[in-house]
Amino acid sequence: MTTTKFSRQRESIKDYLSTTSIIKVSYGNGSDHFDGNVLPHYHFICRNCSAIEDISMPKEAVEQFLHSADENFAGTIEASSTYFYGLCKKCSENKH
């Protein structure tokens, strides 16, 4: 694939993401994950197999977390992302 063709495909994906309810999750190893859940939630990333899972928390806990961050920061928070890292259930079970 040529660089120009790759660049066009990447721009097409960016355009699509800007018009739909999908968010891109980048977690540092160069890979991206596309998530259809746009409600506030957190992600767990397995440091062994790189699996990504949503972490569900009670709405009140999420609101308290975000409110606390806002109260303890002098600027304006416009967005946030929180990742939890460790071993997923499968990798934890295989380790023992």
PDB file of N, CA and C in Angstrom:
ATOM      1  N   MET A   1       0.844  -1.166   0.000  1.00  0.00           N
ATOM      2  CA  MET A   1       0.000   0.000   0.000  1.00  0.00           C
ATOM      3  C   MET A   1       0.895   1.235   0.000  1.00  0.00           C
ATOM      4  N   THR A   2       0.582   2.171  -0.840  1.00  0.00           N
ATOM      5  CA  THR A   2       1.401   3.378  -0.905  1.00  0.00           C
ATOM      6  C   THR A   2       1.056   4.313   0.251  1.00  0.00           C
ATOM      7  N   THR A   3       1.990   5.195   0.547  1.00  0.00           N
ATOM      8  CA  THR A   3       1.779   6.165   1.621  1.00  0.00           C
ATOM      9  C   THR A   3       0.569   7.042   1.320  1.00  0.00           C
ATOM     10  N   THR A   4       0.402   7.452   0.079  1.00  0.00           N
ATOM     11  CA  THR A   4      -0.721   8.307  -0.296  1.00  0.00           C
ATOM     12  C   THR A   4      -2.045   7.581  -0.076  1.00  0.00           C
ATOM     13  N   LYS A   5      -2.128   6.337  -0.482  1.00  0.00           N
ATOM     14  CA  LYS A   5      -3.349   5.566  -0.291  1.00  0.00           C
ATOM     15  C   LYS A   5      -3.627   5.372   1.201  1.00  0.00           C
ATOM     16  N   PHE A   6      -2.584   5.086   1.974  1.00  0.00           N
ATOM     17  CA  PHE A   6      -2.740   4.921   3.411  1.00  0.00           C
ATOM     18  C   PHE A   6      -3.221   6.225   4.039  1.00  0.00           C
ATOM     19  N   SER A   7      -2.657   7.350   3.634  1.00  0.00           N
ATOM     20  CA  SER A   7      -3.056   8.650   4.168  1.00  0.00           C
ATOM     21  C   SER A   7      -4.516   8.947   3.866  1.00  0.00           C
ATOM     22  N   ARG A   8      -4.968   8.613   2.665  1.00  0.00           N
ATOM     23  CA  ARG A   8      -6.378   8.831   2.308  1.00  0.00           C
ATOM     24  C   ARG A   8      -7.287   7.964   3.159  1.00  0.00           C
ATOM     25  N   GLN A   9      -6.888   6.718   3.397  1.00  0.00           N
ATOM     26  CA  GLN A   9      -7.704   5.835   4.231  1.00  0.00           C
ATOM     27  C   GLN A   9      -7.773   6.358   5.659  1.00  0.00           C
ATOM     28  N   ARG A  10      -6.650   6.824   6.181  1.00  0.00           N
ATOM     29  CA  ARG A  10      -6.628   7.370   7.535  1.00  0.00           C
ATOM     30  C   ARG A  10      -7.527   8.605   7.628  1.00  0.00           C
ATOM     31  N   GLU A  11      -7.474   9.485   6.630  1.00  0.00           N
ATOM     32  CA  GLU A  11      -8.334  10.675   6.617  1.00  0.00           C
ATOM     33  C   GLU A  11      -9.804  10.285   6.514  1.00  0.00           C
ATOM     34  N   SER A  12     -10.108   9.249   5.746  1.00  0.00           N
ATOM     35  CA  SER A  12     -11.492   8.777   5.644  1.00  0.00           C
ATOM     36  C   SER A  12     -11.997   8.284   6.991  1.00  0.00           C
ATOM     37  N   ILE A  13     -11.154   7.578   7.727  1.00  0.00           N
ATOM     38  CA  ILE A  13     -11.529   7.099   9.059  1.00  0.00           C
ATOM     39  C   ILE A  13     -11.745   8.281   9.996  1.00  0.00           C
ATOM     40  N   LYS A  14     -10.861   9.267   9.964  1.00  0.00           N
ATOM     41  CA  LYS A  14     -11.016  10.452  10.808  1.00  0.00           C
ATOM     42  C   LYS A  14     -12.327  11.172  10.491  1.00  0.00           C
ATOM     43  N   ASP A  15     -12.639  11.307   9.199  1.00  0.00           N
ATOM     44  CA  ASP A  15     -13.894  11.953   8.801  1.00  0.00           C
ATOM     45  C   ASP A  15     -15.085  11.183   9.325  1.00  0.00           C
ATOM     46  N   TYR A  16     -15.054   9.859   9.196  1.00  0.00           N
ATOM     47  CA  TYR A  16     -16.152   9.020   9.677  1.00  0.00           C
ATOM     48  C   TYR A  16     -16.322   9.163  11.186  1.00  0.00           C
ATOM     49  N   LEU A  17     -15.218   9.136  11.923  1.00  0.00           N
ATOM     50  CA  LEU A  17     -15.292   9.246  13.377  1.00  0.00           C
ATOM     51  C   LEU A  17     -15.866  10.580  13.815  1.00  0.00           C
ATOM     52  N   SER A  18     -15.626  11.628  13.052  1.00  0.00           N
ATOM     53  CA  SER A  18     -16.132  12.944  13.438  1.00  0.00           C
ATOM     54  C   SER A  18     -17.635  13.068  13.209  1.00  0.00           C
ATOM     55  N   THR A  19     -18.241  12.136  12.476  1.00  0.00           N
ATOM     56  CA  THR A  19     -19.674  12.222  12.186  1.00  0.00           C
ATOM     57  C   THR A  19     -20.486  11.092  12.808  1.00  0.00           C
ATOM     58  N   THR A  20     -19.872  10.281  13.649  1.00  0.00           N
ATOM     59  CA  THR A  20     -20.579   9.139  14.216  1.00  0.00           C
ATOM     60  C   THR A  20     -20.351   9.064  15.721  1.00  0.00           C
ATOM     61  N   SER A  21     -21.053   8.161  16.351  1.00  0.00           N
ATOM     62  CA  SER A  21     -20.940   7.988  17.804  1.00  0.00           C
ATOM     63  C   SER A  21     -19.954   6.875  18.134  1.00  0.00           C
ATOM     64  N   ILE A  22     -18.748   7.034  17.659  1.00  0.00           N
ATOM     65  CA  ILE A  22     -17.665   6.090  17.948  1.00  0.00           C
ATOM     66  C   ILE A  22     -16.484   6.914  18.429  1.00  0.00           C
ATOM     67  N   ILE A  23     -15.824   6.433  19.476  1.00  0.00           N
ATOM     68  CA  ILE A  23     -14.637   7.139  19.944  1.00  0.00           C
ATOM     69  C   ILE A  23     -13.405   6.277  19.727  1.00  0.00           C
ATOM     70  N   LYS A  24     -12.289   6.944  19.483  1.00  0.00           N
ATOM     71  CA  LYS A  24     -11.019   6.247  19.296  1.00  0.00           C
ATOM     72  C   LYS A  24     -10.275   6.247  20.622  1.00  0.00           C
ATOM     73  N   VAL A  25      -9.849   5.064  21.058  1.00  0.00           N
ATOM     74  CA  VAL A  25      -9.082   4.921  22.288  1.00  0.00           C
ATOM     75  C   VAL A  25      -7.658   4.544  21.903  1.00  0.00           C
ATOM     76  N   SER A  26      -6.715   5.406  22.228  1.00  0.00           N
ATOM     77  CA  SER A  26      -5.300   5.129  21.982  1.00  0.00           C
ATOM     78  C   SER A  26      -4.642   4.892  23.326  1.00  0.00           C
ATOM     79  N   TYR A  27      -3.914   3.806  23.452  1.00  0.00           N
ATOM     80  CA  TYR A  27      -3.365   3.496  24.770  1.00  0.00           C
ATOM     81  C   TYR A  27      -1.866   3.276  24.786  1.00  0.00           C
ATOM     82  N   GLY A  28      -1.167   3.930  23.879  1.00  0.00           N
ATOM     83  CA  GLY A  28       0.276   4.035  24.038  1.00  0.00           C
ATOM     84  C   GLY A  28       1.162   3.057  23.306  1.00  0.00           C
ATOM     85  N   ASN A  29       0.642   1.973  22.772  1.00  0.00           N
ATOM     86  CA  ASN A  29       1.530   1.033  22.084  1.00  0.00           C
ATOM     87  C   ASN A  29       1.446   1.184  20.568  1.00  0.00           C
ATOM     88  N   GLY A  30       0.793   2.239  20.107  1.00  0.00           N
ATOM     89  CA  GLY A  30       0.663   2.481  18.675  1.00  0.00           C
ATOM     90  C   GLY A  30      -0.621   1.937  18.083  1.00  0.00           C
ATOM     91  N   SER A  31      -1.365   1.143  18.843  1.00  0.00           N
ATOM     92  CA  SER A  31      -2.625   0.591  18.366  1.00  0.00           C
ATOM     93  C   SER A  31      -3.785   1.467  18.808  1.00  0.00           C
ATOM     94  N   ASP A  32      -4.845   1.445  18.037  1.00  0.00           N
ATOM     95  CA  ASP A  32      -6.059   2.160  18.388  1.00  0.00           C
ATOM     96  C   ASP A  32      -7.196   1.172  18.534  1.00  0.00           C
ATOM     97  N   HIS A  33      -8.128   1.508  19.397  1.00  0.00           N
ATOM     98  CA  HIS A  33      -9.326   0.712  19.648  1.00  0.00           C
ATOM     99  C   HIS A  33     -10.504   1.635  19.390  1.00  0.00           C
ATOM    100  N   PHE A  34     -11.515   1.166  18.691  1.00  0.00           N
ATOM    101  CA  PHE A  34     -12.678   1.988  18.401  1.00  0.00           C
ATOM    102  C   PHE A  34     -13.842   1.497  19.245  1.00  0.00           C
ATOM    103  N   ASP A  35     -14.428   2.405  20.005  1.00  0.00           N
ATOM    104  CA  ASP A  35     -15.423   2.066  21.006  1.00  0.00           C
ATOM    105  C   ASP A  35     -16.753   2.728  20.663  1.00  0.00           C
ATOM    106  N   GLY A  36     -17.796   1.931  20.573  1.00  0.00           N
ATOM    107  CA  GLY A  36     -19.134   2.446  20.296  1.00  0.00           C
ATOM    108  C   GLY A  36     -19.838   2.961  21.528  1.00  0.00           C
ATOM    109  N   ASN A  37     -19.290   2.702  22.692  1.00  0.00           N
ATOM    110  CA  ASN A  37     -19.878   3.172  23.946  1.00  0.00           C
ATOM    111  C   ASN A  37     -19.337   4.562  24.238  1.00  0.00           C
ATOM    112  N   VAL A  38     -20.128   5.590  23.963  1.00  0.00           N
ATOM    113  CA  VAL A  38     -19.662   6.964  24.150  1.00  0.00           C
ATOM    114  C   VAL A  38     -20.093   7.546  25.493  1.00  0.00           C
ATOM    115  N   LEU A  39     -20.778   6.750  26.318  1.00  0.00           N
ATOM    116  CA  LEU A  39     -21.126   7.195  27.660  1.00  0.00           C
ATOM    117  C   LEU A  39     -19.886   7.146  28.541  1.00  0.00           C
ATOM    118  N   PRO A  40     -19.838   7.950  29.602  1.00  0.00           N
ATOM    119  CA  PRO A  40     -18.650   7.923  30.467  1.00  0.00           C
ATOM    120  C   PRO A  40     -18.396   6.527  31.036  1.00  0.00           C
ATOM    121  N   HIS A  41     -17.229   6.005  30.774  1.00  0.00           N
ATOM    122  CA  HIS A  41     -16.828   4.710  31.308  1.00  0.00           C
ATOM    123  C   HIS A  41     -15.309   4.617  31.227  1.00  0.00           C
ATOM    124  N   TYR A  42     -14.770   3.572  31.816  1.00  0.00           N
ATOM    125  CA  TYR A  42     -13.330   3.405  31.889  1.00  0.00           C
ATOM    126  C   TYR A  42     -12.915   2.145  31.148  1.00  0.00           C
ATOM    127  N   HIS A  43     -11.621   2.049  30.876  1.00  0.00           N
ATOM    128  CA  HIS A  43     -11.093   0.903  30.144  1.00  0.00           C
ATOM    129  C   HIS A  43     -10.021   0.188  30.954  1.00  0.00           C
ATOM    130  N   PHE A  44     -10.028  -1.129  30.841  1.00  0.00           N
ATOM    131  CA  PHE A  44      -8.977  -1.970  31.388  1.00  0.00           C
ATOM    132  C   PHE A  44      -8.173  -2.500  30.207  1.00  0.00           C
ATOM    133  N   ILE A  45      -6.851  -2.421  30.295  1.00  0.00           N
ATOM    134  CA  ILE A  45      -5.976  -2.905  29.225  1.00  0.00           C
ATOM    135  C   ILE A  45      -5.042  -3.951  29.808  1.00  0.00           C
ATOM    136  N   CYS A  46      -5.100  -5.151  29.248  1.00  0.00           N
ATOM    137  CA  CYS A  46      -4.252  -6.242  29.724  1.00  0.00           C
ATOM    138  C   CYS A  46      -2.817  -6.013  29.245  1.00  0.00           C
ATOM    139  N   ARG A  47      -1.884  -6.008  30.188  1.00  0.00           N
ATOM    140  CA  ARG A  47      -0.488  -5.760  29.830  1.00  0.00           C
ATOM    141  C   ARG A  47       0.162  -6.989  29.190  1.00  0.00           C
ATOM    142  N   ASN A  48      -0.528  -8.124  29.211  1.00  0.00           N
ATOM    143  CA  ASN A  48       0.014  -9.339  28.609  1.00  0.00           C
ATOM    144  C   ASN A  48      -0.495  -9.540  27.183  1.00  0.00           C
ATOM    145  N   CYS A  49      -1.820  -9.524  26.998  1.00  0.00           N
ATOM    146  CA  CYS A  49      -2.385  -9.824  25.672  1.00  0.00           C
ATOM    147  C   CYS A  49      -2.967  -8.603  24.965  1.00  0.00           C
ATOM    148  N   SER A  50      -2.936  -7.435  25.615  1.00  0.00           N
ATOM    149  CA  SER A  50      -3.440  -6.170  25.080  1.00  0.00           C
ATOM    150  C   SER A  50      -4.953  -6.119  24.900  1.00  0.00           C
ATOM    151  N   ALA A  51      -5.678  -7.046  25.505  1.00  0.00           N
ATOM    152  CA  ALA A  51      -7.143  -7.008  25.441  1.00  0.00           C
ATOM    153  C   ALA A  51      -7.634  -5.725  26.105  1.00  0.00           C
ATOM    154  N   ILE A  52      -8.697  -5.158  25.569  1.00  0.00           N
ATOM    155  CA  ILE A  52      -9.308  -3.964  26.146  1.00  0.00           C
ATOM    156  C   ILE A  52     -10.727  -4.320  26.552  1.00  0.00           C
ATOM    157  N   GLU A  53     -11.079  -3.994  27.787  1.00  0.00           N
ATOM    158  CA  GLU A  53     -12.419  -4.259  28.292  1.00  0.00           C
ATOM    159  C   GLU A  53     -12.962  -2.992  28.931  1.00  0.00           C
ATOM    160  N   ASP A  54     -14.275  -2.793  28.807  1.00  0.00           N
ATOM    161  CA  ASP A  54     -14.923  -1.697  29.508  1.00  0.00           C
ATOM    162  C   ASP A  54     -15.052  -2.058  30.976  1.00  0.00           C
ATOM    163  N   ILE A  55     -14.898  -1.058  31.831  1.00  0.00           N
ATOM    164  CA  ILE A  55     -15.147  -1.226  33.256  1.00  0.00           C
ATOM    165  C   ILE A  55     -16.399  -0.429  33.573  1.00  0.00           C
ATOM    166  N   SER A  56     -17.420  -1.123  34.017  1.00  0.00           N
ATOM    167  CA  SER A  56     -18.664  -0.462  34.394  1.00  0.00           C
ATOM    168  C   SER A  56     -18.596  -0.054  35.852  1.00  0.00           C
ATOM    169  N   MET A  57     -19.021   1.168  36.109  1.00  0.00           N
ATOM    170  CA  MET A  57     -19.068   1.688  37.471  1.00  0.00           C
ATOM    171  C   MET A  57     -20.427   2.367  37.654  1.00  0.00           C
ATOM    172  N   PRO A  58     -20.909   2.411  38.887  1.00  0.00           N
ATOM    173  CA  PRO A  58     -22.169   3.115  39.125  1.00  0.00           C
ATOM    174  C   PRO A  58     -22.057   4.576  38.680  1.00  0.00           C
ATOM    175  N   LYS A  59     -23.135   5.088  38.112  1.00  0.00           N
ATOM    176  CA  LYS A  59     -23.162   6.459  37.612  1.00  0.00           C
ATOM    177  C   LYS A  59     -22.704   7.451  38.682  1.00  0.00           C
ATOM    178  N   GLU A  60     -23.120   7.220  39.919  1.00  0.00           N
ATOM    179  CA  GLU A  60     -22.763   8.131  41.005  1.00  0.00           C
ATOM    180  C   GLU A  60     -21.249   8.166  41.235  1.00  0.00           C
ATOM    181  N   ALA A  61     -20.594   7.009  41.112  1.00  0.00           N
ATOM    182  CA  ALA A  61     -19.145   6.938  41.303  1.00  0.00           C
ATOM    183  C   ALA A  61     -18.411   7.703  40.204  1.00  0.00           C
ATOM    184  N   VAL A  62     -18.888   7.563  38.975  1.00  0.00           N
ATOM    185  CA  VAL A  62     -18.278   8.276  37.849  1.00  0.00           C
ATOM    186  C   VAL A  62     -18.462   9.779  38.033  1.00  0.00           C
ATOM    187  N   GLU A  63     -19.687  10.190  38.388  1.00  0.00           N
ATOM    188  CA  GLU A  63     -19.953  11.610  38.581  1.00  0.00           C
ATOM    189  C   GLU A  63     -19.101  12.187  39.707  1.00  0.00           C
ATOM    190  N   GLN A  64     -18.945  11.442  40.793  1.00  0.00           N
ATOM    191  CA  GLN A  64     -18.129  11.898  41.917  1.00  0.00           C
ATOM    192  C   GLN A  64     -16.661  12.043  41.506  1.00  0.00           C
ATOM    193  N   PHE A  65     -16.167  11.083  40.748  1.00  0.00           N
ATOM    194  CA  PHE A  65     -14.786  11.119  40.264  1.00  0.00           C
ATOM    195  C   PHE A  65     -14.552  12.360  39.401  1.00  0.00           C
ATOM    196  N   LEU A  66     -15.458  12.603  38.451  1.00  0.00           N
ATOM    197  CA  LEU A  66     -15.316  13.749  37.553  1.00  0.00           C
ATOM    198  C   LEU A  66     -15.484  15.073  38.303  1.00  0.00           C
ATOM    199  N   HIS A  67     -16.424  15.118  39.229  1.00  0.00           N
ATOM    200  CA  HIS A  67     -16.647  16.315  40.031  1.00  0.00           C
ATOM    201  C   HIS A  67     -15.411  16.629  40.883  1.00  0.00           C
ATOM    202  N   SER A  68     -14.827  15.606  41.480  1.00  0.00           N
ATOM    203  CA  SER A  68     -13.633  15.788  42.302  1.00  0.00           C
ATOM    204  C   SER A  68     -12.471  16.329  41.470  1.00  0.00           C
ATOM    205  N   ALA A  69     -12.298  15.802  40.276  1.00  0.00           N
ATOM    206  CA  ALA A  69     -11.229  16.290  39.397  1.00  0.00           C
ATOM    207  C   ALA A  69     -11.468  17.755  39.056  1.00  0.00           C
ATOM    208  N   ASP A  70     -12.706  18.109  38.744  1.00  0.00           N
ATOM    209  CA  ASP A  70     -13.040  19.474  38.379  1.00  0.00           C
ATOM    210  C   ASP A  70     -12.814  20.435  39.544  1.00  0.00           C
ATOM    211  N   GLU A  71     -13.191  20.016  40.757  1.00  0.00           N
ATOM    212  CA  GLU A  71     -13.023  20.876  41.930  1.00  0.00           C
ATOM    213  C   GLU A  71     -11.557  21.087  42.300  1.00  0.00           C
ATOM    214  N   ASN A  72     -10.699  20.143  41.974  1.00  0.00           N
ATOM    215  CA  ASN A  72      -9.294  20.212  42.376  1.00  0.00           C
ATOM    216  C   ASN A  72      -8.359  20.657  41.258  1.00  0.00           C
ATOM    217  N   PHE A  73      -8.930  21.250  40.225  1.00  0.00           N
ATOM    218  CA  PHE A  73      -8.134  21.739  39.104  1.00  0.00           C
ATOM    219  C   PHE A  73      -8.556  23.171  38.806  1.00  0.00           C
ATOM    220  N   ALA A  74      -7.589  24.087  38.700  1.00  0.00           N
ATOM    221  CA  ALA A  74      -7.900  25.502  38.527  1.00  0.00           C
ATOM    222  C   ALA A  74      -8.360  25.848  37.112  1.00  0.00           C
ATOM    223  N   GLY A  75      -8.029  25.024  36.135  1.00  0.00           N
ATOM    224  CA  GLY A  75      -8.391  25.304  34.746  1.00  0.00           C
ATOM    225  C   GLY A  75      -9.752  24.728  34.393  1.00  0.00           C
ATOM    226  N   THR A  76      -9.976  24.558  33.106  1.00  0.00           N
ATOM    227  CA  THR A  76     -11.228  24.003  32.602  1.00  0.00           C
ATOM    228  C   THR A  76     -10.963  22.636  32.004  1.00  0.00           C
ATOM    229  N   ILE A  77     -11.562  21.605  32.568  1.00  0.00           N
ATOM    230  CA  ILE A  77     -11.431  20.251  32.026  1.00  0.00           C
ATOM    231  C   ILE A  77     -12.475  20.079  30.928  1.00  0.00           C
ATOM    232  N   GLU A  78     -12.025  19.701  29.748  1.00  0.00           N
ATOM    233  CA  GLU A  78     -12.930  19.525  28.613  1.00  0.00           C
ATOM    234  C   GLU A  78     -13.187  18.065  28.287  1.00  0.00           C
ATOM    235  N   ALA A  79     -12.287  17.194  28.666  1.00  0.00           N
ATOM    236  CA  ALA A  79     -12.444  15.764  28.386  1.00  0.00           C
ATOM    237  C   ALA A  79     -11.530  14.999  29.328  1.00  0.00           C
ATOM    238  N   SER A  80     -11.775  13.707  29.445  1.00  0.00           N
ATOM    239  CA  SER A  80     -10.909  12.878  30.278  1.00  0.00           C
ATOM    240  C   SER A  80     -10.893  11.453  29.755  1.00  0.00           C
ATOM    241  N   SER A  81      -9.842  10.744  30.114  1.00  0.00           N
ATOM    242  CA  SER A  81      -9.769   9.314  29.833  1.00  0.00           C
ATOM    243  C   SER A  81      -8.940   8.672  30.940  1.00  0.00           C
ATOM    244  N   THR A  82      -9.413   7.547  31.420  1.00  0.00           N
ATOM    245  CA  THR A  82      -8.724   6.834  32.484  1.00  0.00           C
ATOM    246  C   THR A  82      -8.575   5.386  32.059  1.00  0.00           C
ATOM    247  N   TYR A  83      -7.373   4.860  32.187  1.00  0.00           N
ATOM    248  CA  TYR A  83      -7.104   3.470  31.848  1.00  0.00           C
ATOM    249  C   TYR A  83      -6.611   2.734  33.081  1.00  0.00           C
ATOM    250  N   PHE A  84      -7.074   1.509  33.238  1.00  0.00           N
ATOM    251  CA  PHE A  84      -6.574   0.627  34.277  1.00  0.00           C
ATOM    252  C   PHE A  84      -5.764  -0.459  33.577  1.00  0.00           C
ATOM    253  N   TYR A  85      -4.615  -0.797  34.125  1.00  0.00           N
ATOM    254  CA  TYR A  85      -3.732  -1.794  33.524  1.00  0.00           C
ATOM    255  C   TYR A  85      -3.518  -2.952  34.479  1.00  0.00           C
ATOM    256  N   GLY A  86      -3.311  -4.135  33.932  1.00  0.00           N
ATOM    257  CA  GLY A  86      -3.040  -5.320  34.726  1.00  0.00           C
ATOM    258  C   GLY A  86      -3.187  -6.544  33.845  1.00  0.00           C
ATOM    259  N   LEU A  87      -3.618  -7.652  34.436  1.00  0.00           N
ATOM    260  CA  LEU A  87      -3.852  -8.885  33.689  1.00  0.00           C
ATOM    261  C   LEU A  87      -5.339  -9.156  33.616  1.00  0.00           C
ATOM    262  N   CYS A  88      -5.834  -9.461  32.420  1.00  0.00           N
ATOM    263  CA  CYS A  88      -7.239  -9.813  32.260  1.00  0.00           C
ATOM    264  C   CYS A  88      -7.498 -11.165  32.943  1.00  0.00           C
ATOM    265  N   LYS A  89      -8.752 -11.543  33.035  1.00  0.00           N
ATOM    266  CA  LYS A  89      -9.112 -12.788  33.714  1.00  0.00           C
ATOM    267  C   LYS A  89      -8.398 -13.986  33.080  1.00  0.00           C
ATOM    268  N   LYS A  90      -8.416 -14.062  31.757  1.00  0.00           N
ATOM    269  CA  LYS A  90      -7.790 -15.189  31.055  1.00  0.00           C
ATOM    270  C   LYS A  90      -6.280 -15.261  31.331  1.00  0.00           C
ATOM    271  N   CYS A  91      -5.600 -14.125  31.240  1.00  0.00           N
ATOM    272  CA  CYS A  91      -4.153 -14.120  31.479  1.00  0.00           C
ATOM    273  C   CYS A  91      -3.841 -14.386  32.939  1.00  0.00           C
ATOM    274  N   SER A  92      -4.698 -13.893  33.847  1.00  0.00           N
ATOM    275  CA  SER A  92      -4.500 -14.182  35.287  1.00  0.00           C
ATOM    276  C   SER A  92      -4.625 -15.647  35.573  1.00  0.00           C
ATOM    277  N   GLU A  93      -5.617 -16.305  34.957  1.00  0.00           N
ATOM    278  CA  GLU A  93      -5.818 -17.734  35.166  1.00  0.00           C
ATOM    279  C   GLU A  93      -4.687 -18.559  34.570  1.00  0.00           C
ATOM    280  N   ASN A  94      -4.158 -18.140  33.413  1.00  0.00           N
ATOM    281  CA  ASN A  94      -3.068 -18.863  32.757  1.00  0.00           C
ATOM    282  C   ASN A  94      -1.745 -18.698  33.487  1.00  0.00           C
ATOM    283  N   LYS A  95      -1.625 -17.639  34.281  1.00  0.00           N
ATOM    284  CA  LYS A  95      -0.381 -17.379  35.022  1.00  0.00           C
ATOM    285  C   LYS A  95      -0.200 -18.358  36.168  1.00  0.00           C
ATOM    286  N   HIS A  96      -1.309 -18.868  36.711  1.00  0.00           N
ATOM    287  CA  HIS A  96      -1.231 -19.748  37.889  1.00  0.00           C
ATOM    288  C   HIS A  96      -1.229 -21.196  37.512  1.00  0.00           C
TER     289      HIS A  96
END
